[in-house]
C-alpha atoms as a PDB file:
ATOM      1  CA  MET A   1     106.259  -2.740 -82.201  1.00  0.00           C
ATOM      2  CA  THR A   2     103.636  -5.326 -83.191  1.00  0.00           C
ATOM      3  CA  ASP A   3     100.087  -4.150 -84.132  1.00  0.00           C
ATOM      4  CA  LYS A   4      97.654  -5.805 -81.797  1.00  0.00           C
ATOM      5  CA  THR A   5      94.478  -4.282 -83.458  1.00  0.00           C
ATOM      6  CA  PRO A   6      92.306  -7.150 -84.492  1.00  0.00           C
ATOM      7  CA  THR A   7      91.932  -7.367 -88.229  1.00  0.00           C
ATOM      8  CA  THR A   8      89.969 -10.431 -88.993  1.00  0.00           C
ATOM      9  CA  LYS A   9      86.284 -11.054 -88.055  1.00  0.00           C
ATOM     10  CA  ASN A  10      87.186 -13.869 -85.618  1.00  0.00           C
ATOM     11  CA  GLU A  11      89.872 -11.663 -83.885  1.00  0.00           C
ATOM     12  CA  ARG A  12      87.348  -8.815 -83.483  1.00  0.00           C
ATOM     13  CA  ARG A  13      84.829 -11.380 -82.000  1.00  0.00           C
ATOM     14  CA  GLN A  14      87.415 -12.723 -79.681  1.00  0.00           C
ATOM     15  CA  ALA A  15      88.437  -9.213 -78.638  1.00  0.00           C
ATOM     16  CA  ALA A  16      84.807  -8.385 -77.934  1.00  0.00           C
ATOM     17  CA  ARG A  17      84.425 -11.471 -75.751  1.00  0.00           C
ATOM     18  CA  GLU A  18      87.520 -10.601 -73.841  1.00  0.00           C
ATOM     19  CA  LYS A  19      86.444  -7.052 -73.258  1.00  0.00           C
ATOM     20  CA  ALA A  20      83.005  -8.315 -72.126  1.00  0.00           C
ATOM     21  CA  LYS A  21      84.665 -10.739 -69.731  1.00  0.00           C
ATOM     22  CA  ALA A  22      86.862  -7.980 -68.350  1.00  0.00           C
ATOM     23  CA  LEU A  23      83.810  -5.761 -67.804  1.00  0.00           C
ATOM     24  CA  ARG A  24      81.955  -8.516 -66.050  1.00  0.00           C
ATOM     25  CA  GLU A  25      84.929  -9.270 -63.797  1.00  0.00           C
ATOM     26  CA  GLU A  26      85.235  -5.489 -62.969  1.00  0.00           C
ATOM     27  CA  GLN A  27      81.472  -5.372 -62.189  1.00  0.00           C
ATOM     28  CA  HIS A  28      81.838  -8.512 -59.983  1.00  0.00           C
ATOM     29  CA  ARG A  29      84.648  -6.792 -58.158  1.00  0.00           C
ATOM     30  CA  ARG A  30      82.576  -3.653 -57.616  1.00  0.00           C
ATOM     31  CA  GLU A  31      79.653  -5.578 -56.363  1.00  0.00           C
ATOM     32  CA  LYS A  32      81.979  -7.601 -54.031  1.00  0.00           C
ATOM     33  CA  ARG A  33      83.391  -4.376 -52.546  1.00  0.00           C
ATOM     34  CA  LYS A  34      79.823  -2.903 -52.200  1.00  0.00           C
ATOM     35  CA  ARG A  35      78.752  -5.977 -50.307  1.00  0.00           C
ATOM     36  CA  LEU A  36      81.758  -5.840 -48.046  1.00  0.00           C
ATOM     37  CA  ILE A  37      81.133  -2.180 -47.296  1.00  0.00           C
ATOM     38  CA  ILE A  38      77.428  -2.837 -46.536  1.00  0.00           C
ATOM     39  CA  GLN A  39      78.309  -5.828 -44.302  1.00  0.00           C
ATOM     40  CA  SER A  40      80.899  -3.814 -42.443  1.00  0.00           C
ATOM     41  CA  SER A  41      78.390  -0.971 -41.940  1.00  0.00           C
ATOM     42  CA  VAL A  42      75.873  -3.445 -40.571  1.00  0.00           C
ATOM     43  CA  VAL A  43      78.369  -4.917 -38.216  1.00  0.00           C
ATOM     44  CA  VAL A  44      79.399  -1.478 -37.014  1.00  0.00           C
ATOM     45  CA  GLY A  45      75.712  -0.622 -36.531  1.00  0.00           C
ATOM     46  CA  VAL A  46      74.943  -3.795 -34.636  1.00  0.00           C
ATOM     47  CA  ILE A  47      77.897  -3.161 -32.415  1.00  0.00           C
ATOM     48  CA  ALA A  48      76.634   0.417 -31.778  1.00  0.00           C
ATOM     49  CA  VAL A  49      73.190  -0.871 -30.976  1.00  0.00           C
ATOM     50  CA  VAL A  50      74.565  -3.572 -28.715  1.00  0.00           C
ATOM     51  CA  ALA A  51      76.764  -0.945 -26.866  1.00  0.00           C
ATOM     52  CA  ALA A  52      73.743   1.353 -26.552  1.00  0.00           C
ATOM     53  CA  VAL A  53      71.512  -1.463 -25.073  1.00  0.00           C
ATOM     54  CA  ALA A  54      74.272  -2.513 -22.767  1.00  0.00           C
ATOM     55  CA  LEU A  55      74.631   1.059 -21.470  1.00  0.00           C
ATOM     56  CA  LEU A  56      70.870   1.325 -20.945  1.00  0.00           C
ATOM     57  CA  VAL A  57      70.748  -1.943 -19.132  1.00  0.00           C
ATOM     58  CA  THR A  58      73.590  -0.957 -16.979  1.00  0.00           C
ATOM     59  CA  THR A  59      71.916   2.315 -16.213  1.00  0.00           C
ATOM     60  CA  LEU A  60      68.611   0.785 -15.407  1.00  0.00           C
ATOM     61  CA  THR A  61      70.087  -1.981 -13.264  1.00  0.00           C
ATOM     62  CA  LYS A  62      72.547   0.165 -11.434  1.00  0.00           C
ATOM     63  CA  PRO A  63      72.089  -0.497  -7.799  1.00  0.00           C
ATOM     64  CA  ALA A  64      70.117   2.177  -6.004  1.00  0.00           C
ATOM     65  CA  ALA A  65      71.967   4.092  -3.271  1.00  0.00           C
ATOM     66  CA  MET A  66      70.701   2.867  -0.006  1.00  0.00           C
ATOM     67  CA  PRO A  67      70.960   5.198   3.107  1.00  0.00           C
ATOM     68  CA  ALA A  68      72.772   4.143   6.171  1.00  0.00           C
ATOM     69  CA  ASN A  69      70.883   3.988   9.614  1.00  0.00           C
ATOM     70  CA  MET A  70      67.691   2.923   7.822  1.00  0.00           C
ATOM     71  CA  GLN A  71      67.764  -0.819   7.555  1.00  0.00           C
ATOM     72  CA  SER A  72      64.095  -0.969   8.136  1.00  0.00           C
ATOM     73  CA  ASP A  73      63.578   1.752   5.561  1.00  0.00           C
ATOM     74  CA  GLY A  74      63.209   4.023   8.566  1.00  0.00           C
ATOM     75  CA  ILE A  75      65.490   5.598  11.044  1.00  0.00           C
ATOM     76  CA  ALA A  76      65.104   4.538  14.667  1.00  0.00           C
ATOM     77  CA  PHE A  77      65.695   6.562  17.885  1.00  0.00           C
ATOM     78  CA  THR A  78      66.036   5.220  21.344  1.00  0.00           C
ATOM     79  CA  THR A  79      66.747   6.489  24.810  1.00  0.00           C
ATOM     80  CA  GLY A  80      68.043  10.106  24.923  1.00  0.00           C
ATOM     81  CA  LEU A  81      66.726  10.565  21.294  1.00  0.00           C
ATOM     82  CA  THR A  82      69.913   8.530  20.242  1.00  0.00           C
ATOM     83  CA  PRO A  83      69.708   7.361  16.586  1.00  0.00           C
ATOM     84  CA  VAL A  84      70.257   3.679  16.058  1.00  0.00           C
ATOM     85  CA  LEU A  85      73.214   3.488  13.652  1.00  0.00           C
ATOM     86  CA  THR A  86      73.349   0.725  11.104  1.00  0.00           C
ATOM     87  CA  ASP A  87      75.163   0.035   7.864  1.00  0.00           C
ATOM     88  CA  ALA A  88      73.361   0.737   4.557  1.00  0.00           C
ATOM     89  CA  ARG A  89      71.409  -2.264   3.511  1.00  0.00           C
ATOM     90  CA  GLU A  90      72.435  -4.072   0.285  1.00  0.00           C
ATOM     91  CA  SER A  91      70.583  -2.731  -2.763  1.00  0.00           C
ATOM     92  CA  GLY A  92      67.595  -4.901  -3.653  1.00  0.00           C
ATOM     93  CA  SER A  93      67.508  -6.606  -0.217  1.00  0.00           C
ATOM     94  CA  ASP A  94      64.385  -6.517   1.797  1.00  0.00           C
ATOM     95  CA  PRO A  95      64.041  -4.096   4.736  1.00  0.00           C
ATOM     96  CA  VAL A  96      64.714  -5.524   8.236  1.00  0.00           C
ATOM     97  CA  ALA A  97      62.084  -4.735  10.842  1.00  0.00           C
ATOM     98  CA  TYR A  98      63.404  -2.742  13.713  1.00  0.00           C
ATOM     99  CA  GLU A  99      63.465  -4.487  17.139  1.00  0.00           C
ATOM    100  CA  SER A 100      64.263  -2.600  20.343  1.00  0.00           C
ATOM    101  CA  ALA A 101      67.354  -3.957  22.100  1.00  0.00           C
ATOM    102  CA  ASP A 102      65.838  -2.837  25.346  1.00  0.00           C
ATOM    103  CA  ASP A 103      62.336  -4.268  24.858  1.00  0.00           C
ATOM    104  CA  HIS A 104      60.956  -0.806  24.561  1.00  0.00           C
ATOM    105  CA  ILE A 105      57.449  -0.182  22.982  1.00  0.00           C
ATOM    106  CA  VAL A 106      58.220   0.555  19.251  1.00  0.00           C
ATOM    107  CA  VAL A 107      56.234   3.214  17.360  1.00  0.00           C
ATOM    108  CA  ASP A 108      56.664   3.131  13.556  1.00  0.00           C
ATOM    109  CA  VAL A 109      55.435   6.415  11.777  1.00  0.00           C
ATOM    110  CA  TYR A 110      55.237   6.297   7.942  1.00  0.00           C
ATOM    111  CA  LEU A 111      54.966   9.875   6.719  1.00  0.00           C
ATOM    112  CA  ASP A 112      54.755  11.991   3.559  1.00  0.00           C
ATOM    113  CA  PHE A 113      55.994  15.508   3.794  1.00  0.00           C
ATOM    114  CA  MET A 114      53.244  16.869   1.618  1.00  0.00           C
ATOM    115  CA  CYS A 115      50.476  15.090   3.655  1.00  0.00           C
ATOM    116  CA  PRO A 116      48.362  17.478   5.860  1.00  0.00           C
ATOM    117  CA  TYR A 117      47.271  14.600   8.176  1.00  0.00           C
ATOM    118  CA  CYS A 118      50.944  13.648   8.649  1.00  0.00           C
ATOM    119  CA  GLN A 119      51.530  17.288   9.642  1.00  0.00           C
ATOM    120  CA  GLN A 120      48.566  17.043  12.148  1.00  0.00           C
ATOM    121  CA  PHE A 121      49.924  13.879  13.626  1.00  0.00           C
ATOM    122  CA  GLU A 122      53.380  15.502  14.055  1.00  0.00           C
ATOM    123  CA  LEU A 123      51.975  18.684  15.561  1.00  0.00           C
ATOM    124  CA  THR A 124      49.786  16.808  17.911  1.00  0.00           C
ATOM    125  CA  ASN A 125      52.140  14.053  18.959  1.00  0.00           C
ATOM    126  CA  GLY A 126      55.666  15.019  17.956  1.00  0.00           C
ATOM    127  CA  GLN A 127      56.518  16.457  21.403  1.00  0.00           C
ATOM    128  CA  TYR A 128      54.974  13.554  23.245  1.00  0.00           C
ATOM    129  CA  ILE A 129      56.919  10.970  21.194  1.00  0.00           C
ATOM    130  CA  THR A 130      60.207  12.760  21.673  1.00  0.00           C
ATOM    131  CA  THR A 131      59.656  13.070  25.451  1.00  0.00           C
ATOM    132  CA  GLN A 132      58.889   9.326  25.844  1.00  0.00           C
ATOM    133  CA  VAL A 133      61.877   8.383  23.590  1.00  0.00           C
ATOM    134  CA  SER A 134      64.218  10.656  25.588  1.00  0.00           C
ATOM    135  CA  ALA A 135      63.040   9.064  28.887  1.00  0.00           C
ATOM    136  CA  GLY A 136      63.700   5.491  27.525  1.00  0.00           C
ATOM    137  CA  ASN A 137      60.101   4.528  27.529  1.00  0.00           C
ATOM    138  CA  ILE A 138      59.585   3.973  23.775  1.00  0.00           C
ATOM    139  CA  ASP A 139      61.537   3.789  20.644  1.00  0.00           C
ATOM    140  CA  VAL A 140      60.296   5.494  17.428  1.00  0.00           C
ATOM    141  CA  VAL A 141      60.990   4.729  13.822  1.00  0.00           C
ATOM    142  CA  TYR A 142      60.350   7.356  11.153  1.00  0.00           C
ATOM    143  CA  HIS A 143      59.736   6.094   7.617  1.00  0.00           C
ATOM    144  CA  PRO A 144      59.623   8.873   5.023  1.00  0.00           C
ATOM    145  CA  VAL A 145      57.658   7.821   1.950  1.00  0.00           C
ATOM    146  CA  GLU A 146      56.150   9.154  -1.341  1.00  0.00           C
ATOM    147  CA  ILE A 147      52.454   9.008  -1.674  1.00  0.00           C
ATOM    148  CA  LEU A 148      51.428  12.485  -2.806  1.00  0.00           C
ATOM    149  CA  ASP A 149      53.861  13.327  -5.612  1.00  0.00           C
ATOM    150  CA  ARG A 150      50.804  13.800  -7.815  1.00  0.00           C
ATOM    151  CA  LEU A 151      49.820  16.730  -5.762  1.00  0.00           C
ATOM    152  CA  SER A 152      52.957  18.887  -6.332  1.00  0.00           C
ATOM    153  CA  GLN A 153      52.435  20.164  -9.835  1.00  0.00           C
ATOM    154  CA  GLY A 154      54.933  17.790 -11.401  1.00  0.00           C
ATOM    155  CA  THR A 155      57.826  18.649  -8.951  1.00  0.00           C
ATOM    156  CA  ASN A 156      57.629  15.369  -7.200  1.00  0.00           C
ATOM    157  CA  TYR A 157      57.846  17.061  -3.829  1.00  0.00           C
ATOM    158  CA  SER A 158      57.114  14.054  -1.754  1.00  0.00           C
ATOM    159  CA  THR A 159      59.983  12.201  -3.236  1.00  0.00           C
ATOM    160  CA  ARG A 160      62.374  15.012  -3.109  1.00  0.00           C
ATOM    161  CA  ALA A 161      61.540  15.771   0.650  1.00  0.00           C
ATOM    162  CA  ALA A 162      61.732  12.016   1.576  1.00  0.00           C
ATOM    163  CA  ALA A 163      65.031  11.757  -0.238  1.00  0.00           C
ATOM    164  CA  ALA A 164      66.306  14.831   1.612  1.00  0.00           C
ATOM    165  CA  ALA A 165      65.264  13.290   4.850  1.00  0.00           C
ATOM    166  CA  ALA A 166      67.183  10.152   3.900  1.00  0.00           C
ATOM    167  CA  SER A 167      70.240  12.287   3.116  1.00  0.00           C
ATOM    168  CA  VAL A 168      70.140  13.741   6.628  1.00  0.00           C
ATOM    169  CA  ALA A 169      69.540  10.262   8.228  1.00  0.00           C
ATOM    170  CA  ASN A 170      72.607   8.997   6.279  1.00  0.00           C
ATOM    171  CA  TYR A 171      75.007  11.750   6.933  1.00  0.00           C
ATOM    172  CA  ALA A 172      73.738  13.533  10.031  1.00  0.00           C
ATOM    173  CA  PRO A 173      71.341  11.312  11.823  1.00  0.00           C
ATOM    174  CA  ASP A 174      71.361  13.314  15.148  1.00  0.00           C
ATOM    175  CA  SER A 175      69.681  16.040  13.112  1.00  0.00           C
ATOM    176  CA  PHE A 176      66.837  14.069  11.537  1.00  0.00           C
ATOM    177  CA  ILE A 177      64.146  14.775  14.068  1.00  0.00           C
ATOM    178  CA  THR A 178      64.921  18.436  13.970  1.00  0.00           C
ATOM    179  CA  PHE A 179      64.862  18.501  10.123  1.00  0.00           C
ATOM    180  CA  GLN A 180      61.650  16.449   9.948  1.00  0.00           C
ATOM    181  CA  SER A 181      59.844  18.626  12.603  1.00  0.00           C
ATOM    182  CA  ARG A 182      60.846  21.758  10.605  1.00  0.00           C
ATOM    183  CA  LEU A 183      59.395  20.417   7.342  1.00  0.00           C
ATOM    184  CA  PHE A 184      56.028  20.014   9.158  1.00  0.00           C
ATOM    185  CA  ASP A 185      56.076  23.466  10.796  1.00  0.00           C
ATOM    186  CA  THR A 186      53.078  25.501   9.791  1.00  0.00           C
ATOM    187  CA  ASP A 187      55.230  28.244   8.290  1.00  0.00           C
ATOM    188  CA  VAL A 188      57.129  25.724   6.170  1.00  0.00           C
ATOM    189  CA  LYS A 189      55.033  22.762   4.967  1.00  0.00           C
ATOM    190  CA  PRO A 190      53.546  23.391   1.582  1.00  0.00           C
ATOM    191  CA  GLU A 191      49.829  23.085   0.802  1.00  0.00           C
ATOM    192  CA  GLU A 192      48.725  20.191  -1.499  1.00  0.00           C
ATOM    193  CA  ASN A 193      48.525  21.007  -5.150  1.00  0.00           C
ATOM    194  CA  THR A 194      51.539  23.426  -4.835  1.00  0.00           C
ATOM    195  CA  ALA A 195      55.070  22.982  -6.123  1.00  0.00           C
ATOM    196  CA  GLY A 196      56.388  22.273  -2.619  1.00  0.00           C
ATOM    197  CA  LEU A 197      59.665  23.546  -1.333  1.00  0.00           C
ATOM    198  CA  THR A 198      62.489  24.162  -3.703  1.00  0.00           C
ATOM    199  CA  GLU A 199      65.806  22.261  -3.575  1.00  0.00           C
ATOM    200  CA  ASP A 200      67.399  25.372  -2.213  1.00  0.00           C
ATOM    201  CA  GLU A 201      64.874  25.498   0.632  1.00  0.00           C
ATOM    202  CA  LEU A 202      65.323  21.714   1.490  1.00  0.00           C
ATOM    203  CA  VAL A 203      69.059  22.406   1.591  1.00  0.00           C
ATOM    204  CA  GLN A 204      68.527  25.450   3.738  1.00  0.00           C
ATOM    205  CA  TYR A 205      66.457  23.684   6.356  1.00  0.00           C
ATOM    206  CA  ALA A 206      68.858  20.743   6.399  1.00  0.00           C
ATOM    207  CA  ARG A 207      71.757  22.966   7.030  1.00  0.00           C
ATOM    208  CA  GLU A 208      69.837  24.773   9.826  1.00  0.00           C
ATOM    209  CA  ALA A 209      69.038  21.419  11.465  1.00  0.00           C
ATOM    210  CA  ILE A 210      72.690  20.344  11.288  1.00  0.00           C
ATOM    211  CA  GLY A 211      74.178  23.610  12.455  1.00  0.00           C
ATOM    212  CA  ASP A 212      77.101  25.750  11.204  1.00  0.00           C
ATOM    213  CA  ASP A 213      79.452  23.913  13.678  1.00  0.00           C
ATOM    214  CA  ASN A 214      79.236  20.881  11.473  1.00  0.00           C
ATOM    215  CA  ALA A 215      80.113  22.394   8.095  1.00  0.00           C
ATOM    216  CA  ASP A 216      81.460  19.218   6.711  1.00  0.00           C
ATOM    217  CA  LEU A 217      78.189  17.306   7.453  1.00  0.00           C
ATOM    218  CA  GLN A 218      76.158  20.279   6.064  1.00  0.00           C
ATOM    219  CA  GLN A 219      78.164  19.990   2.867  1.00  0.00           C
ATOM    220  CA  LYS A 220      77.686  16.184   2.526  1.00  0.00           C
ATOM    221  CA  VAL A 221      73.985  16.470   3.023  1.00  0.00           C
ATOM    222  CA  GLU A 222      73.616  19.361   0.572  1.00  0.00           C
ATOM    223  CA  ASP A 223      75.542  17.401  -2.089  1.00  0.00           C
ATOM    224  CA  SER A 224      73.369  14.380  -1.447  1.00  0.00           C
ATOM    225  CA  ILE A 225      70.032  16.360  -1.750  1.00  0.00           C
ATOM    226  CA  ARG A 226      71.188  18.176  -4.818  1.00  0.00           C
ATOM    227  CA  SER A 227      72.351  14.968  -6.522  1.00  0.00           C
ATOM    228  CA  GLY A 228      69.030  13.149  -5.646  1.00  0.00           C
ATOM    229  CA  GLU A 229      71.195  10.364  -4.177  1.00  0.00           C
ATOM    230  CA  PHE A 230      68.269   8.586  -2.440  1.00  0.00           C
ATOM    231  CA  LYS A 231      65.358   9.285  -4.752  1.00  0.00           C
ATOM    232  CA  SER A 232      65.440   5.655  -6.123  1.00  0.00           C
ATOM    233  CA  TRP A 233      65.566   4.502  -2.567  1.00  0.00           C
ATOM    234  CA  VAL A 234      62.344   6.454  -1.803  1.00  0.00           C
ATOM    235  CA  ALA A 235      60.490   4.717  -4.591  1.00  0.00           C
ATOM    236  CA  ALA A 236      61.549   1.297  -3.476  1.00  0.00           C
ATOM    237  CA  ALA A 237      60.835   1.950   0.211  1.00  0.00           C
ATOM    238  CA  THR A 238      57.443   3.353  -0.508  1.00  0.00           C
ATOM    239  CA  LYS A 239      56.472   0.267  -2.632  1.00  0.00           C
ATOM    240  CA  ALA A 240      57.589  -1.992   0.148  1.00  0.00           C
ATOM    241  CA  SER A 241      55.732  -0.093   2.894  1.00  0.00           C
ATOM    242  CA  PRO A 242      52.267  -0.584   4.318  1.00  0.00           C
ATOM    243  CA  ALA A 243      51.705   3.109   3.491  1.00  0.00           C
ATOM    244  CA  ALA A 244      51.559   2.123  -0.177  1.00  0.00           C
ATOM    245  CA  GLU A 245      48.153   0.575   0.514  1.00  0.00           C
ATOM    246  CA  ASN A 246      47.004   2.366   3.677  1.00  0.00           C
ATOM    247  CA  GLY A 247      48.096   5.947   3.025  1.00  0.00           C
ATOM    248  CA  THR A 248      49.814   8.323   5.454  1.00  0.00           C
ATOM    249  CA  PRO A 249      50.206   8.853   8.196  1.00  0.00           C
ATOM    250  CA  TYR A 250      50.420   5.057   8.896  1.00  0.00           C
ATOM    251  CA  VAL A 251      51.281   4.364  12.496  1.00  0.00           C
ATOM    252  CA  THR A 252      52.075   1.032  14.177  1.00  0.00           C
ATOM    253  CA  VAL A 253      52.754   0.333  17.846  1.00  0.00           C
ATOM    254  CA  ASN A 254      54.640  -2.906  18.458  1.00  0.00           C
ATOM    255  CA  GLY A 255      53.846  -3.956  14.890  1.00  0.00           C
ATOM    256  CA  GLU A 256      50.073  -3.462  15.149  1.00  0.00           C
ATOM    257  CA  ALA A 257      48.292  -0.796  13.252  1.00  0.00           C
ATOM    258  CA  TRP A 258      46.950   2.185  15.255  1.00  0.00           C
ATOM    259  CA  ASN A 259      44.035   4.316  14.203  1.00  0.00           C
ATOM    260  CA  SER A 260      42.637   7.365  15.926  1.00  0.00           C
ATOM    261  CA  THR A 261      39.229   6.996  17.368  1.00  0.00           C
ATOM    262  CA  ALA A 262      38.790  10.721  17.761  1.00  0.00           C
ATOM    263  CA  GLN A 263      35.293  11.921  16.831  1.00  0.00           C
ATOM    264  CA  SER A 264      36.284  15.194  15.128  1.00  0.00           C
ATOM    265  CA  SER A 265      38.961  16.475  12.776  1.00  0.00           C
ATOM    266  CA  ASP A 266      40.056  18.973  15.415  1.00  0.00           C
ATOM    267  CA  THR A 267      40.916  16.183  17.865  1.00  0.00           C
ATOM    268  CA  LEU A 268      42.207  13.619  15.315  1.00  0.00           C
ATOM    269  CA  TYR A 269      45.276  11.785  16.591  1.00  0.00           C
ATOM    270  CA  SER A 270      44.949  13.398  20.051  1.00  0.00           C
ATOM    271  CA  ASP A 271      44.190   9.979  21.549  1.00  0.00           C
ATOM    272  CA  PHE A 272      47.587   8.560  20.664  1.00  0.00           C
ATOM    273  CA  PRO A 273      49.298   9.480  24.048  1.00  0.00           C
ATOM    274  CA  ASP A 274      46.471   7.711  25.969  1.00  0.00           C
ATOM    275  CA  TYR A 275      46.833   4.677  23.910  1.00  0.00           C
ATOM    276  CA  VAL A 276      50.625   4.375  24.495  1.00  0.00           C
ATOM    277  CA  ASN A 277      50.362   5.498  28.131  1.00  0.00           C
ATOM    278  CA  ASP A 278      48.128   2.523  28.789  1.00  0.00           C
ATOM    279  CA  LEU A 279      50.715   0.206  27.277  1.00  0.00           C
ATOM    280  CA  LEU A 280      53.463   1.804  29.344  1.00  0.00           C
ATOM    281  CA  GLU A 281      51.479   1.564  32.518  1.00  0.00           C
ATOM    282  CA  ALA A 282      50.763  -2.122  31.842  1.00  0.00           C
ATOM    283  CA  LYS A 283      54.542  -2.697  31.759  1.00  0.00           C
ATOM    284  CA  GLY A 284      54.844  -0.807  35.134  1.00  0.00           C
ATOM    285  CA  ILE A 285      56.314   2.366  33.505  1.00  0.00           C
ATOM    286  CA  ASP A 286      55.116   5.841  34.625  1.00  0.00           C
ATOM    287  CA  PRO A 287      54.751   7.678  31.333  1.00  0.00           C
ATOM    288  CA  ASN A 288      54.868  11.026  33.202  1.00  0.00           C
ATOM    289  CA  ALA A 289      58.060  10.374  35.016  1.00  0.00           C
ATOM    290  CA  GLY A 290      60.227  11.770  32.268  1.00  0.00           C
ATOM    291  CA  GLU A 291      58.359  15.083  31.935  1.00  0.00           C
END
């Protein structure tokens, strides 16, 4: 075997050059591999960030569930307390003002289930309204909104209750008025600056309003309430409503705002029947005929 060990000075110098060259090439290969690893890591990181952003955008832009039977952001009732059934509006579309097919006087009521004045309006005029609707004298549209979430100790009760009402309107519209009235009962409605009703209580009152003979509807409404199906709708409907600027209760009659002229808090809203009766009589309708 030939001895390759450099012996002369020139050979040793040449061997040193070749060794240095080999070391430089190896270092270059290492640095290239390192750059490739870093570049690959950056690409993977960018892809992960893009995916996360895409997921966030998809989540934020996911169309809000819109309740059926509430194209005006309220549920309408006509002769015989019959709910006016409509398809769910397309998410992001503007509400469509309700118009009576029978040229009835239309009363719109914007309400917040935490609002004590909404409760007073309901206790004072709820029976009168249902009587006139049943008789075919007027139509009523109820708009649940959120104005007083700030007064429920962080539980967002106004939103939760309005969303529950929308669940009933969507799946069991015949039971809406019973459910709404129950939430305003003096032994049920929570005081301001309390946590409000629990989810279980909202489900309980919805089930009671629907009745055990409609177990399927009870379950659909319960599932909707527990999932918060219509909470996003509540936020959008409130923002689009006149109650956002005027507070609740906000009542219109044939599109015109109505305000009580009662002189004391005890008689507040008690003049509403007289106001509507005058309009009915002007149309030749006896408001007492259906009583």
